[in-house]
Amino acid sequence: MLIEKQRWAGIRSGAVTVLFRRWRHRQATEGNIYRTGAGRIAVDRL
């Protein structure tokens, strides 16, 4: 997942709990955990 550096601090602190991205096809999958520069992000539901 590509997450801009400017959003990392908000994700780490818990201030950002939802992130929307526009893709032609769905990239994230429910139940998976993704490694990003901000840390590990779990996708609970889509």
N, C-alpha and C. Protein backbone atom coordinates (compact mmCIF):
# COMPACT_ATOMS: atom_id res chain seq x y z
N MET A 1 0.84 -1.18 0.00
CA MET A 1 0.00 0.00 0.00
C MET A 1 0.88 1.23 0.00
N LEU A 2 0.59 2.15 -0.85
CA LEU A 2 1.35 3.39 -0.88
C LEU A 2 0.64 4.44 -0.03
N ILE A 3 1.28 4.80 1.06
CA ILE A 3 0.73 5.83 1.94
C ILE A 3 1.75 6.95 2.03
N GLU A 4 1.31 8.17 1.79
CA GLU A 4 2.20 9.32 1.79
C GLU A 4 2.79 9.56 3.18
N LYS A 5 4.05 9.99 3.21
CA LYS A 5 4.74 10.24 4.48
C LYS A 5 3.98 11.20 5.39
N GLN A 6 3.32 12.17 4.81
CA GLN A 6 2.61 13.17 5.62
C GLN A 6 1.49 12.55 6.45
N ARG A 7 1.05 11.36 6.12
CA ARG A 7 -0.04 10.69 6.85
C ARG A 7 0.47 9.73 7.93
N TRP A 8 1.76 9.38 7.93
CA TRP A 8 2.31 8.38 8.84
C TRP A 8 2.10 8.73 10.30
N ALA A 9 2.36 9.98 10.69
CA ALA A 9 2.24 10.37 12.10
C ALA A 9 0.80 10.21 12.60
N GLY A 10 -0.16 10.60 11.77
CA GLY A 10 -1.57 10.46 12.15
C GLY A 10 -1.99 9.02 12.29
N ILE A 11 -1.44 8.15 11.45
CA ILE A 11 -1.76 6.71 11.54
C ILE A 11 -1.16 6.14 12.83
N ARG A 12 0.09 6.48 13.10
CA ARG A 12 0.76 5.97 14.32
C ARG A 12 0.05 6.42 15.59
N SER A 13 -0.40 7.69 15.62
CA SER A 13 -1.04 8.22 16.83
C SER A 13 -2.47 7.74 17.00
N GLY A 14 -3.06 7.22 15.93
CA GLY A 14 -4.45 6.77 15.98
C GLY A 14 -5.43 7.84 15.55
N ALA A 15 -4.93 9.03 15.18
CA ALA A 15 -5.80 10.11 14.71
C ALA A 15 -6.43 9.75 13.36
N VAL A 16 -5.73 8.97 12.54
CA VAL A 16 -6.25 8.52 11.25
C VAL A 16 -6.66 7.06 11.42
N THR A 17 -7.95 6.79 11.28
CA THR A 17 -8.44 5.42 11.42
C THR A 17 -9.01 4.88 10.13
N VAL A 18 -9.29 5.76 9.17
CA VAL A 18 -9.84 5.36 7.87
C VAL A 18 -9.07 6.09 6.79
N LEU A 19 -8.70 5.37 5.75
CA LEU A 19 -7.98 5.96 4.63
C LEU A 19 -8.62 5.48 3.34
N PHE A 20 -8.99 6.39 2.48
CA PHE A 20 -9.60 6.05 1.20
C PHE A 20 -8.61 6.30 0.08
N ARG A 21 -8.52 5.37 -0.84
CA ARG A 21 -7.68 5.51 -2.03
C ARG A 21 -8.51 5.09 -3.22
N ARG A 22 -8.23 5.68 -4.37
CA ARG A 22 -8.96 5.32 -5.59
C ARG A 22 -8.05 4.48 -6.48
N TRP A 23 -8.51 3.27 -6.78
CA TRP A 23 -7.81 2.39 -7.69
C TRP A 23 -8.81 1.88 -8.72
N ARG A 24 -8.30 1.47 -9.84
CA ARG A 24 -9.20 0.88 -10.84
C ARG A 24 -9.74 -0.47 -10.36
N HIS A 25 -8.88 -1.22 -9.67
CA HIS A 25 -9.27 -2.52 -9.12
C HIS A 25 -8.93 -2.52 -7.64
N ARG A 26 -9.68 -3.27 -6.87
CA ARG A 26 -9.42 -3.34 -5.44
C ARG A 26 -8.03 -3.92 -5.19
N GLN A 27 -7.26 -3.29 -4.34
CA GLN A 27 -5.91 -3.73 -4.02
C GLN A 27 -5.84 -4.40 -2.65
N ALA A 28 -6.56 -3.87 -1.69
CA ALA A 28 -6.55 -4.42 -0.33
C ALA A 28 -7.53 -5.58 -0.23
N THR A 29 -7.24 -6.49 0.68
CA THR A 29 -8.11 -7.64 0.89
C THR A 29 -8.48 -7.71 2.37
N GLU A 30 -9.73 -7.93 2.64
CA GLU A 30 -10.22 -8.03 4.01
C GLU A 30 -9.47 -9.11 4.77
N GLY A 31 -9.05 -8.79 6.00
CA GLY A 31 -8.37 -9.75 6.85
C GLY A 31 -6.85 -9.76 6.71
N ASN A 32 -6.31 -9.06 5.71
CA ASN A 32 -4.86 -9.03 5.52
C ASN A 32 -4.21 -7.92 6.32
N ILE A 33 -2.91 -8.09 6.57
CA ILE A 33 -2.10 -7.08 7.24
C ILE A 33 -1.02 -6.66 6.25
N TYR A 34 -0.84 -5.34 6.09
CA TYR A 34 0.11 -4.80 5.13
C TYR A 34 1.20 -4.02 5.85
N ARG A 35 2.44 -4.19 5.40
CA ARG A 35 3.55 -3.42 5.94
C ARG A 35 3.70 -2.13 5.15
N THR A 36 3.80 -1.01 5.84
CA THR A 36 3.99 0.29 5.20
C THR A 36 5.06 1.05 5.96
N GLY A 37 5.43 2.20 5.47
CA GLY A 37 6.36 3.06 6.17
C GLY A 37 5.82 3.53 7.50
N ALA A 38 4.50 3.55 7.63
CA ALA A 38 3.85 3.98 8.87
C ALA A 38 3.77 2.85 9.88
N GLY A 39 4.07 1.64 9.45
CA GLY A 39 3.95 0.47 10.32
C GLY A 39 3.04 -0.57 9.68
N ARG A 40 2.55 -1.50 10.45
CA ARG A 40 1.66 -2.54 9.93
C ARG A 40 0.22 -2.05 10.01
N ILE A 41 -0.52 -2.28 8.93
CA ILE A 41 -1.91 -1.83 8.86
C ILE A 41 -2.79 -3.05 8.57
N ALA A 42 -3.81 -3.25 9.41
CA ALA A 42 -4.74 -4.37 9.23
C ALA A 42 -6.00 -3.86 8.56
N VAL A 43 -6.50 -4.65 7.61
CA VAL A 43 -7.75 -4.32 6.93
C VAL A 43 -8.84 -5.19 7.56
N ASP A 44 -9.71 -4.56 8.34
CA ASP A 44 -10.78 -5.29 9.02
C ASP A 44 -11.94 -5.60 8.09
N ARG A 45 -12.36 -4.60 7.35
CA ARG A 45 -13.46 -4.80 6.41
C ARG A 45 -13.34 -3.76 5.30
N LEU A 46 -13.97 -4.08 4.19
CA LEU A 46 -13.94 -3.18 3.02
C LEU A 46 -15.28 -2.52 2.83
